[in-house]
């Protein structure tokens, strides 16, 4: 009897394992699933060779086509490449979901909260409220530019004090960039000399390197955190989150002490706290407030500052481009005032340079992961509900048939014969697209333009050190420039 029962249990386990390794009907092509781990081992093997997640997917696309289906641990993951297929993902409501799982919930107290990895009516409601409140406090308005101008003036003065001295440039913009957003979120300016904050930004950058946008090992096989907490990145991520939560909790607690329900809110945190006290909307909770702040803080601290790091790096690698930008600014706005956002329309070559930097680098090469909210058909394939969808933006920005010489840094590709900007609709999508397009796009663009022009308007840039520099950065959720030093030499009027 016991022997028969054991045989039945083993048979059931084998059946479940074999069923799990079976490819879903009409699932996109890809390598054969292996029991339990799926394609994880072969994926990690190729990642070790190629060094970047987006390049592993590019290799798979070359072998299997523009839509590739994998199984990484317990997750079905479909990669999509090329402008047409990616645009369809952006436009289809079937793919408007965000992935669920241990990694994504770990960030938000084991729940589906925040703005980046929530979806459905909850996400729409919270996103609408957050954007409206941020606009009330200056987002995408004149007040936003004034805050950025304050920060650019401050960092220029810091650079002047270090005139011709080597500066670590790969992460120097972090706090200054974050301040524009933080002023709208928390109503105050962060101290650029705060060592605790510098360390916090450093570990946030590390966090973006630990996993890929699909959630990595923690999401694919979360049980491994119990046996390999260091290898899976669990310990590091937990440390980062603990410190982030502590920092944000201090800020929120200070706001709560001085909260006046009858007065107009002064920032996003205060507006959210008022909504919690109204207590007629269950989506407004302390955990959701912390999660929204976490999303905005981490996004604001990472992508824009990395873009600026790559921009400075590009100006070292291509000094003739730097000279062209400076000559355009000197010609169009002169040397007696600083550039403003209104100057963007006149500084067309400068705008083309920034667009080329974002094309060539692609800060988020796999975008932000989507999720199929139901069983659906795509390009002749069947995509099961809850499948993670990765849009390979790198494939669009580096498409040889369209760009001809994608690895060449050539800003002129964004200018027509009359010197006006070419938008390259569908082929240039650094901020994603559709309803899940980056909500901080306007702030990101403004920051990149204002900081970039402020630096080049005031300084020449020279390489420091003997190490070879390249636009190939560190891999992760986002691309980050590898550490480099530069000398900023003040341009006298």
Protein backbone atom coordinates (compact mmCIF):
# COMPACT_ATOMS: atom_id res chain seq x y z
CA UNK A 1 0.00 0.00 0.00
CA UNK A 2 2.78 2.45 0.99
CA UNK A 3 4.80 1.45 -2.10
CA UNK A 4 1.78 2.09 -4.35
CA UNK A 5 1.19 5.47 -2.72
CA UNK A 6 4.85 6.44 -3.22
CA UNK A 7 4.66 5.40 -6.88
CA UNK A 8 1.54 7.52 -7.33
CA UNK A 9 3.21 10.55 -5.75
CA UNK A 10 6.33 10.13 -7.93
CA UNK A 11 4.15 9.73 -11.02
CA UNK A 12 2.22 12.90 -10.19
CA UNK A 13 5.44 14.83 -9.61
CA UNK A 14 6.87 13.57 -12.91
CA UNK A 15 3.64 14.47 -14.69
CA UNK A 16 3.74 18.00 -13.27
CA UNK A 17 7.41 18.42 -14.23
CA UNK A 18 6.84 17.12 -17.77
CA UNK A 19 3.73 19.26 -18.13
CA UNK A 20 5.67 22.33 -17.02
CA UNK A 21 8.41 21.69 -19.58
CA UNK A 22 5.87 21.37 -22.37
CA UNK A 23 5.78 24.31 -24.73
CA UNK A 24 2.33 25.99 -24.79
CA UNK A 25 0.37 25.50 -27.99
CA UNK A 26 1.37 27.99 -30.72
CA UNK A 27 3.83 29.64 -28.36
CA UNK A 28 6.54 31.68 -30.17
CA UNK A 29 9.61 29.69 -31.27
CA UNK A 30 12.67 29.34 -29.07
CA UNK A 31 14.99 26.77 -27.47
CA UNK A 32 13.59 23.60 -25.87
CA UNK A 33 12.40 23.88 -22.28
CA UNK A 34 14.31 21.94 -19.61
CA UNK A 35 12.42 20.68 -16.53
CA UNK A 36 12.18 23.18 -13.64
CA UNK A 37 14.66 25.75 -15.03
CA UNK A 38 13.21 26.10 -18.55
CA UNK A 39 15.76 27.98 -20.67
CA UNK A 40 17.50 29.60 -17.74
CA UNK A 41 20.80 27.70 -18.02
CA UNK A 42 21.31 28.33 -21.73
CA UNK A 43 20.29 31.97 -21.26
CA UNK A 44 22.84 32.49 -18.48
CA UNK A 45 25.51 30.73 -20.54
CA UNK A 46 25.00 33.13 -23.46
CA UNK A 47 24.80 36.11 -21.08
CA UNK A 48 28.20 35.20 -19.69
CA UNK A 49 29.62 35.19 -23.23
CA UNK A 50 27.85 38.29 -24.62
CA UNK A 51 27.79 40.38 -21.45
CA UNK A 52 24.42 42.10 -22.02
CA UNK A 53 20.84 40.87 -21.74
CA UNK A 54 19.72 42.73 -24.85
CA UNK A 55 22.49 41.08 -26.89
CA UNK A 56 21.35 37.61 -25.76
CA UNK A 57 17.91 38.47 -27.11
CA UNK A 58 19.41 39.84 -30.33
CA UNK A 59 21.14 36.50 -30.84
CA UNK A 60 17.85 34.68 -30.24
CA UNK A 61 16.04 36.95 -32.71
CA UNK A 62 18.60 36.15 -35.39
CA UNK A 63 17.96 32.44 -34.89
CA UNK A 64 14.20 32.29 -34.28
CA UNK A 65 12.69 35.51 -35.69
CA UNK A 66 11.28 38.79 -34.37
CA UNK A 67 9.19 37.11 -31.65
CA UNK A 68 10.92 34.58 -29.37
CA UNK A 69 9.38 32.55 -26.55
CA UNK A 70 11.40 31.39 -23.54
CA UNK A 71 10.69 29.94 -20.12
CA UNK A 72 12.99 31.35 -17.46
CA UNK A 73 12.45 29.42 -14.26
CA UNK A 74 8.70 29.47 -13.74
CA UNK A 75 8.11 32.53 -15.95
CA UNK A 76 7.06 32.49 -19.59
CA UNK A 77 8.98 35.33 -21.24
CA UNK A 78 8.48 36.56 -24.80
CA UNK A 79 11.00 38.90 -26.42
CA UNK A 80 9.89 41.19 -29.25
CA UNK A 81 12.18 43.07 -31.64
CA UNK A 82 11.78 45.51 -34.51
CA UNK A 83 9.71 48.72 -34.77
CA UNK A 84 6.47 47.20 -36.08
CA UNK A 85 6.16 44.39 -33.54
CA UNK A 86 7.20 46.61 -30.62
CA UNK A 87 4.74 49.32 -31.65
CA UNK A 88 1.95 46.74 -31.62
CA UNK A 89 2.89 45.73 -28.06
CA UNK A 90 2.74 49.39 -27.01
CA UNK A 91 -0.67 49.91 -28.59
CA UNK A 92 -2.41 46.68 -27.47
CA UNK A 93 -4.32 46.86 -24.18
CA UNK A 94 -3.74 43.11 -23.90
CA UNK A 95 -0.10 43.93 -23.08
CA UNK A 96 -0.65 46.88 -20.74
CA UNK A 97 -0.03 44.78 -17.64
CA UNK A 98 3.14 44.73 -15.57
CA UNK A 99 4.85 41.54 -14.35
CA UNK A 100 3.91 40.08 -11.00
CA UNK A 101 6.09 37.94 -8.77
CA UNK A 102 8.44 37.93 -5.81
CA UNK A 103 10.96 40.49 -7.13
CA UNK A 104 8.32 43.04 -8.14
CA UNK A 105 6.39 42.66 -4.88
CA UNK A 106 9.51 42.71 -2.74
CA UNK A 107 9.92 46.40 -3.59
CA UNK A 108 6.43 47.22 -2.34
CA UNK A 109 5.88 45.31 0.90
CA UNK A 110 4.74 42.07 -0.77
CA UNK A 111 1.88 43.82 -2.57
CA UNK A 112 1.24 45.18 -6.09
CA UNK A 113 1.70 48.87 -5.40
CA UNK A 114 3.41 51.96 -6.77
CA UNK A 115 3.28 53.30 -10.34
CA UNK A 116 5.89 51.36 -12.30
CA UNK A 117 4.83 47.75 -11.65
CA UNK A 118 1.11 48.12 -10.94
CA UNK A 119 -1.57 47.94 -13.63
CA UNK A 120 -5.29 47.96 -14.31
CA UNK A 121 -7.72 50.45 -12.76
CA UNK A 122 -5.50 50.82 -9.68
CA UNK A 123 -2.57 52.00 -11.82
CA UNK A 124 -4.71 54.33 -13.93
CA UNK A 125 -6.22 55.95 -10.85
CA UNK A 126 -2.92 56.39 -9.01
CA UNK A 127 -1.06 57.57 -12.10
CA UNK A 128 -3.70 60.21 -12.85
CA UNK A 129 -3.58 61.51 -9.28
CA UNK A 130 0.23 61.57 -9.13
CA UNK A 131 0.63 63.37 -12.46
CA UNK A 132 -2.04 65.92 -11.57
CA UNK A 133 -0.43 66.68 -8.22
CA UNK A 134 3.07 66.90 -9.70
CA UNK A 135 1.72 69.37 -12.27
CA UNK A 136 0.20 71.41 -9.47
CA UNK A 137 3.70 71.70 -8.03
CA UNK A 138 5.42 72.58 -11.30
CA UNK A 139 5.79 69.39 -13.36
CA UNK A 140 5.93 70.25 -17.11
CA UNK A 141 5.46 73.93 -16.26
CA UNK A 142 7.62 77.02 -15.87
CA UNK A 143 8.26 76.20 -12.21
CA UNK A 144 9.95 72.96 -13.26
CA UNK A 145 12.42 74.81 -15.47
CA UNK A 146 13.16 77.26 -12.66
CA UNK A 147 14.01 74.37 -10.32
CA UNK A 148 16.27 72.80 -12.94
CA UNK A 149 17.98 76.15 -13.60
CA UNK A 150 18.71 76.43 -9.88
CA UNK A 151 20.35 73.02 -9.94
CA UNK A 152 22.35 73.63 -13.11
CA UNK A 153 23.66 76.92 -11.70
CA UNK A 154 24.65 75.12 -8.50
CA UNK A 155 26.53 72.31 -10.24
CA UNK A 156 28.30 74.76 -12.57
CA UNK A 157 29.62 76.58 -9.49
CA UNK A 158 30.83 73.28 -8.06
CA UNK A 159 32.62 72.47 -11.31
CA UNK A 160 34.20 75.94 -11.36
CA UNK A 161 35.74 75.26 -7.95
CA UNK A 162 37.33 72.14 -9.44
CA UNK A 163 38.43 73.90 -12.63
CA UNK A 164 40.88 71.71 -14.61
CA UNK A 165 40.94 69.12 -11.82
CA UNK A 166 39.86 65.52 -12.49
CA UNK A 167 36.24 64.79 -11.53
CA UNK A 168 34.38 61.47 -11.40
CA UNK A 169 31.82 62.19 -14.12
CA UNK A 170 29.87 58.94 -14.51
CA UNK A 171 27.60 59.63 -11.53
CA UNK A 172 28.21 63.29 -10.69
CA UNK A 173 24.71 64.47 -11.72
CA UNK A 174 22.67 62.15 -9.47
CA UNK A 175 21.58 64.41 -6.62
CA UNK A 176 21.32 67.53 -8.80
CA UNK A 177 19.02 65.77 -11.28
CA UNK A 178 16.93 64.25 -8.50
CA UNK A 179 16.41 67.64 -6.85
CA UNK A 180 14.04 68.92 -9.53
CA UNK A 181 11.72 65.99 -8.92
CA UNK A 182 12.27 65.91 -5.16
CA UNK A 183 11.14 69.53 -4.84
CA UNK A 184 7.76 68.55 -6.34
CA UNK A 185 7.56 65.34 -4.31
CA UNK A 186 8.72 66.56 -0.91
CA UNK A 187 8.83 70.36 -1.18
CA UNK A 188 12.52 70.67 -0.38
CA UNK A 189 15.95 70.60 -1.94
CA UNK A 190 18.41 67.83 -1.14
CA UNK A 191 21.92 68.78 -0.02
CA UNK A 192 24.39 67.84 -2.75
CA UNK A 193 27.09 67.38 -0.07
CA UNK A 194 25.00 64.95 2.01
CA UNK A 195 27.27 61.88 2.27
CA UNK A 196 24.38 59.63 3.34
CA UNK A 197 22.45 60.62 0.23
CA UNK A 198 25.47 60.07 -1.99
CA UNK A 199 25.80 56.57 -0.57
CA UNK A 200 22.07 55.99 -1.07
CA UNK A 201 22.33 56.93 -4.76
CA UNK A 202 25.36 54.69 -5.10
CA UNK A 203 23.48 51.66 -3.80
CA UNK A 204 20.47 52.51 -6.00
CA UNK A 205 22.81 52.37 -8.98
CA UNK A 206 24.03 48.99 -7.72
CA UNK A 207 20.42 47.84 -7.44
CA UNK A 208 19.83 48.50 -11.14
CA UNK A 209 22.84 46.30 -11.95
CA UNK A 210 21.76 43.29 -9.83
CA UNK A 211 18.89 42.04 -12.00
CA UNK A 212 17.47 42.41 -15.48
CA UNK A 213 14.05 43.87 -16.19
CA UNK A 214 12.37 40.43 -16.15
CA UNK A 215 13.14 40.18 -12.42
CA UNK A 216 16.15 37.90 -12.63
CA UNK A 217 16.69 34.84 -10.44
CA UNK A 218 14.62 36.28 -7.59
CA UNK A 219 11.50 36.35 -9.73
CA UNK A 220 12.16 33.20 -11.74
CA UNK A 221 13.11 30.96 -8.80
CA UNK A 222 12.43 32.91 -5.58
CA UNK A 223 13.04 29.85 -3.37
CA UNK A 224 16.77 30.19 -4.16
CA UNK A 225 16.97 33.21 -1.86
CA UNK A 226 16.88 30.75 1.06
CA UNK A 227 19.89 28.76 -0.19
CA UNK A 228 21.84 31.40 -2.14
CA UNK A 229 20.86 34.85 -0.83
CA UNK A 230 24.08 36.48 -2.08
CA UNK A 231 24.16 34.88 -5.54
CA UNK A 232 20.53 35.74 -6.26
CA UNK A 233 21.08 39.33 -5.16
CA UNK A 234 18.46 39.00 -2.41
CA UNK A 235 20.69 40.28 0.42
CA UNK A 236 21.90 43.27 -1.58
CA UNK A 237 18.40 44.18 -2.76
CA UNK A 238 17.01 43.83 0.78
CA UNK A 239 19.74 46.13 2.11
CA UNK A 240 18.98 48.72 -0.58
CA UNK A 241 15.24 48.61 0.05
CA UNK A 242 15.67 48.85 3.82
CA UNK A 243 17.78 51.97 3.45
CA UNK A 244 15.42 53.49 0.89
CA UNK A 245 12.38 52.83 3.06
CA UNK A 246 14.16 54.34 6.07
CA UNK A 247 15.05 57.49 4.12
CA UNK A 248 11.55 57.92 2.69
CA UNK A 249 9.84 57.12 5.99
CA UNK A 250 11.78 59.92 7.70
CA UNK A 251 10.59 62.38 5.04
CA UNK A 252 6.96 61.21 5.20
CA UNK A 253 6.95 61.23 9.01
CA UNK A 254 8.17 64.85 9.01
CA UNK A 255 5.36 65.77 6.59
CA UNK A 256 2.81 63.98 8.76
CA UNK A 257 3.85 66.02 11.82
CA UNK A 258 3.02 69.29 10.10
CA UNK A 259 0.01 68.15 8.06
CA UNK A 260 -2.94 70.57 7.93
CA UNK A 261 -5.97 69.03 6.26
CA UNK A 262 -7.65 72.37 5.66
CA UNK A 263 -4.71 73.92 3.79
CA UNK A 264 -3.58 73.55 0.19
CA UNK A 265 -0.89 70.85 -0.04
CA UNK A 266 2.64 72.06 -0.74
CA UNK A 267 3.94 68.91 -2.44
CA UNK A 268 2.97 65.42 -3.60
CA UNK A 269 3.56 63.75 -0.22
CA UNK A 270 1.32 66.23 1.56
CA UNK A 271 -1.40 65.86 -1.09
CA UNK A 272 -1.27 62.08 -0.72
CA UNK A 273 -1.43 62.25 3.09
CA UNK A 274 -4.55 64.41 2.81
CA UNK A 275 -6.13 61.77 0.58
CA UNK A 276 -5.33 59.08 3.16
CA UNK A 277 -7.10 61.10 5.87
CA UNK A 278 -10.17 61.65 3.70
CA UNK A 279 -10.41 57.85 3.95
CA UNK A 280 -12.97 57.22 1.20
CA UNK A 281 -10.56 55.66 -1.29
CA UNK A 282 -8.87 52.36 -0.33
CA UNK A 283 -6.10 52.85 -2.92
CA UNK A 284 -4.59 55.65 -0.83
CA UNK A 285 -2.58 53.93 1.91
CA UNK A 286 0.71 54.48 3.74
CA UNK A 287 2.26 51.58 1.82
CA UNK A 288 1.13 53.03 -1.52
CA UNK A 289 2.56 56.45 -0.64
CA UNK A 290 5.90 54.86 0.22
CA UNK A 291 5.79 52.82 -3.01
CA UNK A 292 5.01 55.87 -5.19
CA UNK A 293 7.88 57.76 -3.58
CA UNK A 294 10.18 54.77 -4.10
CA UNK A 295 9.29 54.52 -7.79
CA UNK A 296 9.75 58.23 -8.44
CA UNK A 297 12.95 58.47 -6.40
CA UNK A 298 14.63 55.49 -8.04
CA UNK A 299 13.56 56.42 -11.57
CA UNK A 300 14.52 60.06 -11.06
CA UNK A 301 17.92 59.15 -9.66
CA UNK A 302 18.97 56.67 -12.31
CA UNK A 303 17.98 57.09 -15.95
CA UNK A 304 18.55 60.82 -16.46
CA UNK A 305 21.84 60.94 -14.55
CA UNK A 306 23.09 57.93 -16.54
CA UNK A 307 22.10 59.63 -19.80
CA UNK A 308 24.09 62.71 -18.78
CA UNK A 309 27.06 60.55 -17.83
CA UNK A 310 27.03 59.00 -21.31
CA UNK A 311 26.58 62.47 -22.85
CA UNK A 312 29.76 63.78 -21.19
CA UNK A 313 31.55 60.59 -22.21
CA UNK A 314 30.45 61.08 -25.82
CA UNK A 315 31.80 64.63 -25.80
CA UNK A 316 35.20 63.27 -24.77
CA UNK A 317 35.12 60.57 -27.43
CA UNK A 318 33.93 62.97 -30.14
CA UNK A 319 35.57 66.37 -29.46
CA UNK A 320 34.54 67.71 -32.88
CA UNK A 321 30.89 67.20 -31.90
CA UNK A 322 31.48 69.05 -28.63
CA UNK A 323 33.01 71.97 -30.53
CA UNK A 324 30.02 72.07 -32.91
CA UNK A 325 27.60 72.20 -29.94
CA UNK A 326 29.55 75.00 -28.30
CA UNK A 327 29.77 76.98 -31.54
CA UNK A 328 26.01 76.64 -32.02
CA UNK A 329 25.31 77.90 -28.49
CA UNK A 330 27.77 80.79 -28.88
CA UNK A 331 26.16 81.73 -32.18
CA UNK A 332 22.51 81.36 -31.19
CA UNK A 333 22.44 82.56 -27.56
CA UNK A 334 25.83 84.19 -26.99
CA UNK A 335 28.08 84.09 -23.93
CA UNK A 336 26.24 86.53 -21.68
CA UNK A 337 23.39 84.29 -20.50
CA UNK A 338 22.70 80.63 -19.78
CA UNK A 339 20.68 78.37 -22.11
CA UNK A 340 16.97 77.92 -21.34
CA UNK A 341 14.36 75.43 -22.51
CA UNK A 342 13.09 78.03 -24.99
CA UNK A 343 16.45 77.76 -26.75
CA UNK A 344 15.84 74.11 -27.68
CA UNK A 345 14.03 75.12 -30.87
CA UNK A 346 17.07 77.14 -31.98
CA UNK A 347 19.79 74.72 -30.83
CA UNK A 348 18.92 72.09 -33.43
CA UNK A 349 22.35 70.51 -33.72
CA UNK A 350 22.55 70.26 -29.93
CA UNK A 351 19.14 68.58 -29.86
CA UNK A 352 20.30 66.16 -32.57
CA UNK A 353 23.37 65.30 -30.48
CA UNK A 354 21.21 64.44 -27.46
CA UNK A 355 18.92 62.32 -29.61
CA UNK A 356 21.90 60.47 -31.06
CA UNK A 357 23.26 59.80 -27.57
CA UNK A 358 19.92 58.29 -26.50
CA UNK A 359 19.73 56.24 -29.70
CA UNK A 360 23.30 54.97 -29.56
CA UNK A 361 23.24 54.07 -25.88
CA UNK A 362 19.56 53.11 -25.29
CA UNK A 363 19.49 53.57 -21.51
CA UNK A 364 16.70 50.97 -21.05
CA UNK A 365 17.53 48.49 -23.86
CA UNK A 366 14.73 46.08 -22.95
CA UNK A 367 12.29 48.81 -21.91
CA UNK A 368 10.11 48.17 -18.87
CA UNK A 369 8.58 44.70 -18.91
CA UNK A 370 4.95 44.32 -19.97
CA UNK A 371 2.56 41.47 -19.09
CA UNK A 372 -0.19 39.82 -21.09
CA UNK A 373 -3.36 40.47 -19.09
CA UNK A 374 -5.19 37.63 -20.83
CA UNK A 375 -4.64 34.85 -23.36
CA UNK A 376 -4.14 36.62 -26.66
CA UNK A 377 -2.86 36.25 -30.23
CA UNK A 378 0.21 38.14 -31.46
CA UNK A 379 1.89 37.87 -34.88
CA UNK A 380 0.28 34.47 -35.43
CA UNK A 381 1.36 33.09 -32.04
CA UNK A 382 -0.63 32.39 -28.88
CA UNK A 383 0.55 34.33 -25.82
CA UNK A 384 -0.73 32.88 -22.52
CA UNK A 385 -2.04 35.17 -19.79
CA UNK A 386 0.68 36.50 -17.42
CA UNK A 387 3.48 36.01 -19.96
CA UNK A 388 6.19 38.65 -19.48
CA UNK A 389 6.77 40.69 -22.66
CA UNK A 390 10.15 42.33 -23.23
CA UNK A 391 10.39 45.01 -25.93
CA UNK A 392 13.95 45.17 -27.25
CA UNK A 393 14.32 48.91 -27.85
CA UNK A 394 17.97 48.32 -28.67
CA UNK A 395 16.89 46.39 -31.78
CA UNK A 396 14.99 49.46 -33.00
CA UNK A 397 17.78 51.94 -32.33
CA UNK A 398 20.43 49.70 -33.89
CA UNK A 399 18.46 48.37 -36.87
CA UNK A 400 21.02 48.28 -39.68
CA UNK A 401 18.47 48.31 -42.50
CA UNK A 402 17.12 51.64 -41.25
CA UNK A 403 20.12 53.44 -39.73
CA UNK A 404 22.74 51.97 -42.17
CA UNK A 405 25.69 52.59 -39.77
CA UNK A 406 24.06 52.23 -36.31
CA UNK A 407 27.34 51.92 -34.37
CA UNK A 408 28.65 55.21 -35.74
CA UNK A 409 28.01 58.28 -33.59
CA UNK A 410 26.52 60.66 -36.14
CA UNK A 411 24.13 63.38 -34.88
CA UNK A 412 23.49 64.52 -38.46
CA UNK A 413 21.17 61.55 -38.94
CA UNK A 414 18.60 63.53 -36.90
CA UNK A 415 18.84 66.60 -39.16
CA UNK A 416 17.44 67.09 -42.66
CA UNK A 417 19.07 69.17 -45.39
CA UNK A 418 17.45 72.33 -44.04
CA UNK A 419 18.94 71.66 -40.60
CA UNK A 420 15.60 70.80 -38.97
CA UNK A 421 15.05 67.86 -36.60
CA UNK A 422 13.98 64.49 -38.07
CA UNK A 423 11.88 62.61 -35.50
CA UNK A 424 12.26 59.11 -37.03
CA UNK A 425 8.79 58.07 -35.83
CA UNK A 426 8.71 54.45 -34.69
CA UNK A 427 12.48 54.09 -35.04
CA UNK A 428 13.46 56.33 -32.14
CA UNK A 429 11.68 55.40 -28.89
CA UNK A 430 13.96 56.02 -25.87
CA UNK A 431 10.94 56.63 -23.59
CA UNK A 432 8.85 53.68 -24.77
CA UNK A 433 5.36 54.21 -26.11
CA UNK A 434 1.64 53.70 -25.68
CA UNK A 435 -0.23 54.09 -22.42
CA UNK A 436 2.78 52.83 -20.43
CA UNK A 437 5.11 55.45 -21.90
CA UNK A 438 7.50 56.94 -19.32
CA UNK A 439 5.51 59.44 -17.22
CA UNK A 440 8.66 61.43 -16.47
CA UNK A 441 9.53 62.01 -20.12
CA UNK A 442 9.10 65.80 -20.08
CA UNK A 443 11.18 66.15 -16.90
CA UNK A 444 13.83 63.77 -18.25
CA UNK A 445 14.17 65.67 -21.53
CA UNK A 446 14.30 69.01 -19.74
CA UNK A 447 16.96 67.80 -17.31
CA UNK A 448 19.16 66.30 -20.02
CA UNK A 449 18.99 69.43 -22.17
CA UNK A 450 19.52 71.92 -19.34
CA UNK A 451 22.42 70.11 -17.63
CA UNK A 452 24.13 69.19 -20.90
CA UNK A 453 23.99 72.71 -22.30
CA UNK A 454 24.97 74.27 -18.96
CA UNK A 455 28.14 72.16 -18.83
CA UNK A 456 29.16 72.73 -22.45
CA UNK A 457 28.28 76.43 -22.33
CA UNK A 458 30.69 76.89 -19.42
CA UNK A 459 33.38 74.24 -19.87
CA UNK A 460 35.59 72.42 -22.30
CA UNK A 461 35.90 68.73 -21.50
CA UNK A 462 39.08 66.66 -21.60
CA UNK A 463 39.76 63.04 -20.81
CA UNK A 464 41.78 62.27 -17.67
CA UNK A 465 43.68 59.02 -17.25
CA UNK A 466 44.95 56.32 -19.59
CA UNK A 467 42.01 53.91 -19.52
CA UNK A 468 40.22 53.32 -22.80
CA UNK A 469 36.78 54.94 -22.89
CA UNK A 470 33.76 53.49 -24.65
CA UNK A 471 30.00 54.02 -24.85
CA UNK A 472 29.48 50.37 -23.85
CA UNK A 473 28.36 50.63 -20.22
CA UNK A 474 27.39 48.34 -17.36
CA UNK A 475 24.41 46.03 -17.97
CA UNK A 476 21.29 45.85 -15.84
CA UNK A 477 17.73 47.17 -15.77
CA UNK A 478 19.29 50.29 -17.28
CA UNK A 479 22.65 50.93 -18.89
CA UNK A 480 25.15 52.87 -16.76
CA UNK A 481 28.44 54.45 -17.86
CA UNK A 482 31.54 52.77 -16.52
CA UNK A 483 33.55 54.94 -14.09
CA UNK A 484 35.61 57.64 -15.78
CA UNK A 485 37.25 60.92 -14.86
CA UNK A 486 37.32 64.12 -16.87
CA UNK A 487 38.72 67.63 -16.56
CA UNK A 488 36.25 70.48 -16.97
CA UNK A 489 38.11 73.58 -18.09
CA UNK A 490 36.24 76.85 -17.64
CA UNK A 491 35.53 78.74 -20.87
CA UNK A 492 36.26 82.39 -20.24
CA UNK A 493 33.96 84.90 -21.94
